[in-house]
Amino acid sequence: MTRIGNLEDFRALDPFFRIIEQGVDGLVDGDHFFDMLAEDVVIEYVITVPGYPRRVIGRQAVADLYRPYGETFVLDHCHDVAVHHDKDTGVVVLEYASQGRTVATGAAYANRYISVLTIADRKIVHWRDYLDPLAVFDAIGWPTDT
């Protein structure tokens, strides 16, 4: 059981959690996405949207960042996972896609991602994330103050 707390708070991200769990199956320990992260994991959002952090450190900080996700988006499905694993370095590259909707308007949301994960001692210790920010803007509207 994860120590993050009420996993119901993260229901909007369930398809994301499942695709990541599928992508690292057999490579990391843990029953849930958060359990697969090292306590001091470093996550870098290389391509992101205004107002989103560039770097987050720690499993709890990741949970705090993801907890309100369902106020903006609900994912219905994640799919098309491709896994590239370098056994010598412990680096795993995941390519995947998502489909969902915005909460405020019900507008469709779809995006594609590349996540570069470094695994050590059967935990994800570093994560570099890339997404298409234009897909976010198309779903929720373009930022007006940036």
C-alpha atoms as a PDB file:
ATOM      1  CA  MET A   1       0.000   0.000   0.000  1.00  0.00           C
ATOM      2  CA  THR A   2       1.287   3.415  -0.894  1.00  0.00           C
ATOM      3  CA  ARG A   3       1.977   5.975   1.821  1.00  0.00           C
ATOM      4  CA  ILE A   4       0.659   8.857  -0.285  1.00  0.00           C
ATOM      5  CA  GLY A   5      -2.797   8.765   1.224  1.00  0.00           C
ATOM      6  CA  ASN A   6      -6.179   8.517  -0.411  1.00  0.00           C
ATOM      7  CA  LEU A   7      -5.598   7.207  -3.938  1.00  0.00           C
ATOM      8  CA  GLU A   8      -9.190   8.168  -4.818  1.00  0.00           C
ATOM      9  CA  ASP A   9      -7.862  11.737  -5.064  1.00  0.00           C
ATOM     10  CA  PHE A  10      -5.943  10.623  -8.170  1.00  0.00           C
ATOM     11  CA  ARG A  11      -8.720   8.777 -10.033  1.00  0.00           C
ATOM     12  CA  ALA A  12      -8.496  11.219 -12.983  1.00  0.00           C
ATOM     13  CA  LEU A  13      -4.947   9.945 -13.582  1.00  0.00           C
ATOM     14  CA  ASP A  14      -5.665   6.202 -13.348  1.00  0.00           C
ATOM     15  CA  PRO A  15      -5.058   5.550 -17.084  1.00  0.00           C
ATOM     16  CA  PHE A  16      -1.682   7.335 -16.806  1.00  0.00           C
ATOM     17  CA  PHE A  17      -0.724   5.271 -13.769  1.00  0.00           C
ATOM     18  CA  ARG A  18      -1.668   2.029 -15.549  1.00  0.00           C
ATOM     19  CA  ILE A  19       0.330   2.827 -18.721  1.00  0.00           C
ATOM     20  CA  ILE A  20       3.438   3.694 -16.692  1.00  0.00           C
ATOM     21  CA  GLU A  21       3.035   0.551 -14.586  1.00  0.00           C
ATOM     22  CA  GLN A  22       2.760  -1.435 -17.833  1.00  0.00           C
ATOM     23  CA  GLY A  23       5.831   0.237 -19.282  1.00  0.00           C
ATOM     24  CA  VAL A  24       8.078  -0.535 -16.300  1.00  0.00           C
ATOM     25  CA  ASP A  25       6.580  -3.936 -15.466  1.00  0.00           C
ATOM     26  CA  GLY A  26       9.276  -6.227 -14.111  1.00  0.00           C
ATOM     27  CA  LEU A  27      11.796  -3.391 -13.832  1.00  0.00           C
ATOM     28  CA  VAL A  28      10.661  -1.663 -10.654  1.00  0.00           C
ATOM     29  CA  ASP A  29       9.096  -2.650  -7.358  1.00  0.00           C
ATOM     30  CA  GLY A  30       5.784  -1.292  -6.121  1.00  0.00           C
ATOM     31  CA  ASP A  31       2.080  -1.956  -6.402  1.00  0.00           C
ATOM     32  CA  HIS A  32       1.095   1.549  -7.503  1.00  0.00           C
ATOM     33  CA  PHE A  33       2.710   4.348  -9.502  1.00  0.00           C
ATOM     34  CA  PHE A  34       3.716   6.252  -6.366  1.00  0.00           C
ATOM     35  CA  ASP A  35       5.279   3.142  -4.840  1.00  0.00           C
ATOM     36  CA  MET A  36       7.489   2.828  -7.912  1.00  0.00           C
ATOM     37  CA  LEU A  37       9.058   6.239  -7.301  1.00  0.00           C
ATOM     38  CA  ALA A  38      12.086   6.576  -5.064  1.00  0.00           C
ATOM     39  CA  GLU A  39      11.407   8.664  -1.964  1.00  0.00           C
ATOM     40  CA  ASP A  40      13.744  11.366  -3.350  1.00  0.00           C
ATOM     41  CA  VAL A  41      12.784  11.037  -7.033  1.00  0.00           C
ATOM     42  CA  VAL A  42      13.603  14.000  -9.267  1.00  0.00           C
ATOM     43  CA  ILE A  43      11.092  14.790 -11.992  1.00  0.00           C
ATOM     44  CA  GLU A  44      11.884  17.362 -14.657  1.00  0.00           C
ATOM     45  CA  TYR A  45       9.198  18.706 -16.952  1.00  0.00           C
ATOM     46  CA  VAL A  46      11.340  19.643 -19.934  1.00  0.00           C
ATOM     47  CA  ILE A  47       8.481  20.742 -22.174  1.00  0.00           C
ATOM     48  CA  THR A  48       5.568  21.996 -20.118  1.00  0.00           C
ATOM     49  CA  VAL A  49       2.989  24.766 -19.856  1.00  0.00           C
ATOM     50  CA  PRO A  50       3.090  28.143 -18.090  1.00  0.00           C
ATOM     51  CA  GLY A  51       2.573  27.877 -14.357  1.00  0.00           C
ATOM     52  CA  TYR A  52       3.717  24.254 -14.146  1.00  0.00           C
ATOM     53  CA  PRO A  53       6.991  23.597 -12.331  1.00  0.00           C
ATOM     54  CA  ARG A  54      10.101  22.640 -14.243  1.00  0.00           C
ATOM     55  CA  ARG A  55      11.442  20.402 -11.464  1.00  0.00           C
ATOM     56  CA  VAL A  56       9.896  18.518  -8.561  1.00  0.00           C
ATOM     57  CA  ILE A  57      11.861  16.600  -5.944  1.00  0.00           C
ATOM     58  CA  GLY A  58      10.390  13.838  -3.808  1.00  0.00           C
ATOM     59  CA  ARG A  59       7.551  11.346  -4.040  1.00  0.00           C
ATOM     60  CA  GLN A  60       5.311  13.420  -1.773  1.00  0.00           C
ATOM     61  CA  ALA A  61       5.919  16.560  -3.849  1.00  0.00           C
ATOM     62  CA  VAL A  62       4.901  14.632  -6.989  1.00  0.00           C
ATOM     63  CA  ALA A  63       1.703  13.498  -5.276  1.00  0.00           C
ATOM     64  CA  ASP A  64       0.980  17.061  -4.141  1.00  0.00           C
ATOM     65  CA  LEU A  65       1.448  18.279  -7.728  1.00  0.00           C
ATOM     66  CA  TYR A  66      -0.757  15.545  -9.223  1.00  0.00           C
ATOM     67  CA  ARG A  67      -3.520  15.608  -6.571  1.00  0.00           C
ATOM     68  CA  PRO A  68      -5.525  18.486  -8.169  1.00  0.00           C
ATOM     69  CA  TYR A  69      -5.106  17.142 -11.743  1.00  0.00           C
ATOM     70  CA  GLY A  70      -8.741  16.015 -11.776  1.00  0.00           C
ATOM     71  CA  GLU A  71      -9.886  19.608 -11.364  1.00  0.00           C
ATOM     72  CA  THR A  72      -8.673  20.324 -14.913  1.00  0.00           C
ATOM     73  CA  PHE A  73      -8.487  17.020 -16.831  1.00  0.00           C
ATOM     74  CA  VAL A  74      -9.851  13.512 -16.576  1.00  0.00           C
ATOM     75  CA  LEU A  75      -8.029  10.873 -18.582  1.00  0.00           C
ATOM     76  CA  ASP A  76     -10.220   8.208 -20.142  1.00  0.00           C
ATOM     77  CA  HIS A  77      -7.524   6.157 -21.799  1.00  0.00           C
ATOM     78  CA  CYS A  78      -3.762   5.917 -22.252  1.00  0.00           C
ATOM     79  CA  HIS A  79      -2.463   3.803 -25.102  1.00  0.00           C
ATOM     80  CA  ASP A  80       0.226   3.063 -27.673  1.00  0.00           C
ATOM     81  CA  VAL A  81       2.999   2.519 -25.164  1.00  0.00           C
ATOM     82  CA  ALA A  82       6.414   1.793 -26.638  1.00  0.00           C
ATOM     83  CA  VAL A  83       9.176   0.782 -24.249  1.00  0.00           C
ATOM     84  CA  HIS A  84      12.879   1.260 -24.939  1.00  0.00           C
ATOM     85  CA  HIS A  85      15.074  -0.133 -22.165  1.00  0.00           C
ATOM     86  CA  ASP A  86      18.856   0.146 -21.909  1.00  0.00           C
ATOM     87  CA  LYS A  87      19.775  -2.605 -19.462  1.00  0.00           C
ATOM     88  CA  ASP A  88      23.311  -1.272 -19.034  1.00  0.00           C
ATOM     89  CA  THR A  89      22.304   2.211 -17.876  1.00  0.00           C
ATOM     90  CA  GLY A  90      18.921   1.475 -16.309  1.00  0.00           C
ATOM     91  CA  VAL A  91      17.297   4.064 -18.559  1.00  0.00           C
ATOM     92  CA  VAL A  92      13.811   3.372 -19.870  1.00  0.00           C
ATOM     93  CA  VAL A  93      12.173   5.566 -22.502  1.00  0.00           C
ATOM     94  CA  LEU A  94       8.392   5.353 -22.671  1.00  0.00           C
ATOM     95  CA  GLU A  95       6.369   6.741 -25.542  1.00  0.00           C
ATOM     96  CA  TYR A  96       2.608   6.827 -25.002  1.00  0.00           C
ATOM     97  CA  ALA A  97      -0.578   8.756 -25.687  1.00  0.00           C
ATOM     98  CA  SER A  98      -3.611   9.844 -23.697  1.00  0.00           C
ATOM     99  CA  GLN A  99      -7.211  10.716 -24.364  1.00  0.00           C
ATOM    100  CA  GLY A 100      -9.578  12.418 -22.001  1.00  0.00           C
ATOM    101  CA  ARG A 101     -11.549  15.577 -21.457  1.00  0.00           C
ATOM    102  CA  THR A 102     -11.398  18.890 -19.687  1.00  0.00           C
ATOM    103  CA  VAL A 103     -13.498  19.188 -16.566  1.00  0.00           C
ATOM    104  CA  ALA A 104     -14.704  22.764 -17.112  1.00  0.00           C
ATOM    105  CA  THR A 105     -16.075  22.336 -20.636  1.00  0.00           C
ATOM    106  CA  GLY A 106     -15.958  18.633 -21.450  1.00  0.00           C
ATOM    107  CA  ALA A 107     -13.723  19.455 -24.437  1.00  0.00           C
ATOM    108  CA  ALA A 108     -11.661  16.594 -25.775  1.00  0.00           C
ATOM    109  CA  TYR A 109      -8.054  16.329 -24.660  1.00  0.00           C
ATOM    110  CA  ALA A 110      -5.433  14.169 -26.328  1.00  0.00           C
ATOM    111  CA  ASN A 111      -1.683  14.293 -25.958  1.00  0.00           C
ATOM    112  CA  ARG A 112       1.492  12.341 -26.689  1.00  0.00           C
ATOM    113  CA  TYR A 113       4.379  11.969 -24.271  1.00  0.00           C
ATOM    114  CA  ILE A 114       7.933  10.821 -23.972  1.00  0.00           C
ATOM    115  CA  SER A 115       9.168   9.962 -20.492  1.00  0.00           C
ATOM    116  CA  VAL A 116      12.821   9.171 -19.878  1.00  0.00           C
ATOM    117  CA  LEU A 117      13.172   7.242 -16.628  1.00  0.00           C
ATOM    118  CA  THR A 118      16.300   6.254 -14.754  1.00  0.00           C
ATOM    119  CA  ILE A 119      15.891   3.210 -12.554  1.00  0.00           C
ATOM    120  CA  ALA A 120      18.179   2.327  -9.672  1.00  0.00           C
ATOM    121  CA  ASP A 121      17.614  -0.265  -6.955  1.00  0.00           C
ATOM    122  CA  ARG A 122      14.286  -1.141  -8.629  1.00  0.00           C
ATOM    123  CA  LYS A 123      12.845   2.365  -8.153  1.00  0.00           C
ATOM    124  CA  ILE A 124      12.413   5.302 -10.511  1.00  0.00           C
ATOM    125  CA  VAL A 125      14.995   7.827  -9.319  1.00  0.00           C
ATOM    126  CA  HIS A 126      14.882  10.349 -12.164  1.00  0.00           C
ATOM    127  CA  TRP A 127      12.210  11.239 -14.731  1.00  0.00           C
ATOM    128  CA  ARG A 128      12.383  13.655 -17.650  1.00  0.00           C
ATOM    129  CA  ASP A 129       8.979  14.329 -19.154  1.00  0.00           C
ATOM    130  CA  TYR A 130       8.049  15.766 -22.534  1.00  0.00           C
ATOM    131  CA  LEU A 131       4.533  16.542 -23.766  1.00  0.00           C
ATOM    132  CA  ASP A 132       2.846  18.636 -26.432  1.00  0.00           C
ATOM    133  CA  PRO A 133       1.855  21.912 -24.724  1.00  0.00           C
ATOM    134  CA  LEU A 134      -0.240  22.933 -27.742  1.00  0.00           C
ATOM    135  CA  ALA A 135      -2.559  19.999 -27.024  1.00  0.00           C
ATOM    136  CA  VAL A 136      -3.083  21.337 -23.506  1.00  0.00           C
ATOM    137  CA  PHE A 137      -3.785  24.851 -24.796  1.00  0.00           C
ATOM    138  CA  ASP A 138      -6.185  23.531 -27.429  1.00  0.00           C
ATOM    139  CA  ALA A 139      -8.161  21.720 -24.729  1.00  0.00           C
ATOM    140  CA  ILE A 140      -8.281  24.406 -22.032  1.00  0.00           C
ATOM    141  CA  GLY A 141      -7.660  27.555 -24.055  1.00  0.00           C
ATOM    142  CA  TRP A 142      -4.547  29.513 -24.814  1.00  0.00           C
ATOM    143  CA  PRO A 143      -2.989  31.441 -21.948  1.00  0.00           C
ATOM    144  CA  THR A 144      -4.014  35.065 -22.087  1.00  0.00           C
ATOM    145  CA  ASP A 145      -1.456  36.508 -19.676  1.00  0.00           C
ATOM    146  CA  THR A 146       1.780  35.009 -21.052  1.00  0.00           C
END
